Amino acid sequence: MASLDWSQCPAVESVPGKVSGAWVLKGTRMPVSAIFENLEAGASID
């Protein structure tokens, strides 16, 4: 998977010490990468 620059996306944040600084959905601990991994594995958006 290609690396994306999430720094300008208002829906995500990267906070040092929160999920090791990974990009997560703002206000959560859900890594953006986990969403894409699940979609690649066949998970449905619904």
N, C-alpha and C. Protein backbone atom coordinates (compact mmCIF):
# COMPACT_ATOMS: atom_id res chain seq x y z
N MET A 1 0.85 -1.18 0.00
CA MET A 1 0.00 0.00 0.00
C MET A 1 0.89 1.24 0.00
N ALA A 2 0.55 2.19 -0.83
CA ALA A 2 1.31 3.44 -0.92
C ALA A 2 1.07 4.29 0.32
N SER A 3 2.07 5.03 0.70
CA SER A 3 1.95 5.92 1.84
C SER A 3 1.29 7.22 1.40
N LEU A 4 0.32 7.69 2.17
CA LEU A 4 -0.39 8.93 1.85
C LEU A 4 -0.06 10.00 2.89
N ASP A 5 -0.15 11.25 2.48
CA ASP A 5 0.06 12.38 3.40
C ASP A 5 -1.30 12.78 3.98
N TRP A 6 -1.53 12.42 5.22
CA TRP A 6 -2.81 12.69 5.87
C TRP A 6 -2.82 14.03 6.61
N SER A 7 -1.74 14.78 6.57
CA SER A 7 -1.61 15.99 7.39
C SER A 7 -2.64 17.07 7.08
N GLN A 8 -3.22 17.09 5.90
CA GLN A 8 -4.20 18.12 5.55
C GLN A 8 -5.65 17.63 5.68
N CYS A 9 -5.85 16.40 6.11
CA CYS A 9 -7.20 15.83 6.24
C CYS A 9 -7.76 16.17 7.63
N PRO A 10 -8.86 16.91 7.71
CA PRO A 10 -9.40 17.31 9.01
C PRO A 10 -10.05 16.17 9.79
N ALA A 11 -10.27 15.02 9.16
CA ALA A 11 -10.94 13.91 9.83
C ALA A 11 -9.99 13.00 10.60
N VAL A 12 -8.68 13.23 10.45
CA VAL A 12 -7.70 12.37 11.11
C VAL A 12 -6.69 13.20 11.89
N GLU A 13 -6.02 12.53 12.83
CA GLU A 13 -5.00 13.21 13.63
C GLU A 13 -3.88 12.23 13.97
N SER A 14 -2.72 12.77 14.23
CA SER A 14 -1.58 11.99 14.68
C SER A 14 -1.06 12.66 15.94
N VAL A 15 -1.16 11.95 17.06
CA VAL A 15 -0.75 12.50 18.35
C VAL A 15 0.34 11.60 18.92
N PRO A 16 1.53 12.17 19.18
CA PRO A 16 2.60 11.36 19.78
C PRO A 16 2.10 10.72 21.08
N GLY A 17 2.34 9.43 21.23
CA GLY A 17 1.91 8.72 22.43
C GLY A 17 0.51 8.13 22.32
N LYS A 18 -0.22 8.47 21.29
CA LYS A 18 -1.55 7.91 21.06
C LYS A 18 -1.42 6.95 19.88
N VAL A 19 -1.57 5.66 20.13
CA VAL A 19 -1.40 4.61 19.12
C VAL A 19 -0.05 4.79 18.42
N SER A 20 0.95 5.07 19.20
CA SER A 20 2.34 5.24 18.71
C SER A 20 2.46 6.31 17.63
N GLY A 21 1.59 7.31 17.66
CA GLY A 21 1.67 8.40 16.69
C GLY A 21 1.08 8.08 15.33
N ALA A 22 0.41 6.93 15.21
CA ALA A 22 -0.22 6.56 13.93
C ALA A 22 -1.36 7.52 13.62
N TRP A 23 -1.68 7.66 12.33
CA TRP A 23 -2.83 8.46 11.93
C TRP A 23 -4.09 7.71 12.32
N VAL A 24 -4.96 8.37 13.08
CA VAL A 24 -6.20 7.77 13.56
C VAL A 24 -7.36 8.69 13.22
N LEU A 25 -8.59 8.13 13.21
CA LEU A 25 -9.77 8.98 13.05
C LEU A 25 -9.82 9.92 14.24
N LYS A 26 -10.03 11.18 13.98
CA LYS A 26 -10.01 12.20 15.04
C LYS A 26 -10.96 11.83 16.18
N GLY A 27 -10.46 11.91 17.40
CA GLY A 27 -11.26 11.62 18.58
C GLY A 27 -11.38 10.14 18.90
N THR A 28 -10.66 9.29 18.15
CA THR A 28 -10.71 7.85 18.39
C THR A 28 -9.29 7.29 18.48
N ARG A 29 -9.21 5.98 18.65
CA ARG A 29 -7.94 5.27 18.59
C ARG A 29 -7.94 4.31 17.40
N MET A 30 -8.82 4.55 16.42
CA MET A 30 -8.94 3.69 15.24
C MET A 30 -7.95 4.14 14.18
N PRO A 31 -6.89 3.36 13.94
CA PRO A 31 -5.91 3.73 12.93
C PRO A 31 -6.50 3.72 11.52
N VAL A 32 -6.16 4.71 10.75
CA VAL A 32 -6.59 4.79 9.35
C VAL A 32 -6.10 3.55 8.61
N SER A 33 -4.90 3.11 8.91
CA SER A 33 -4.34 1.93 8.23
C SER A 33 -5.19 0.69 8.47
N ALA A 34 -5.80 0.55 9.64
CA ALA A 34 -6.64 -0.61 9.94
C ALA A 34 -7.88 -0.62 9.05
N ILE A 35 -8.41 0.55 8.75
CA ILE A 35 -9.58 0.64 7.88
C ILE A 35 -9.22 0.11 6.50
N PHE A 36 -8.10 0.57 5.95
CA PHE A 36 -7.69 0.13 4.62
C PHE A 36 -7.33 -1.36 4.61
N GLU A 37 -6.69 -1.84 5.66
CA GLU A 37 -6.36 -3.27 5.75
C GLU A 37 -7.62 -4.12 5.74
N ASN A 38 -8.65 -3.69 6.47
CA ASN A 38 -9.91 -4.43 6.49
C ASN A 38 -10.59 -4.41 5.13
N LEU A 39 -10.57 -3.27 4.46
CA LEU A 39 -11.17 -3.18 3.13
C LEU A 39 -10.43 -4.08 2.14
N GLU A 40 -9.10 -4.08 2.20
CA GLU A 40 -8.30 -4.93 1.32
C GLU A 40 -8.57 -6.41 1.58
N ALA A 41 -8.92 -6.75 2.82
CA ALA A 41 -9.20 -8.14 3.18
C ALA A 41 -10.62 -8.56 2.83
N GLY A 42 -11.41 -7.62 2.27
CA GLY A 42 -12.75 -7.96 1.83
C GLY A 42 -13.88 -7.47 2.72
N ALA A 43 -13.57 -6.72 3.76
CA ALA A 43 -14.62 -6.19 4.63
C ALA A 43 -15.46 -5.18 3.85
N SER A 44 -16.72 -5.08 4.23
CA SER A 44 -17.65 -4.15 3.59
C SER A 44 -17.67 -2.83 4.35
N ILE A 45 -17.91 -1.75 3.65
CA ILE A 45 -18.04 -0.45 4.31
C ILE A 45 -19.31 -0.42 5.15
N ASP A 46 -20.31 -1.15 4.74
CA ASP A 46 -21.56 -1.22 5.50
C ASP A 46 -21.28 -1.93 6.79
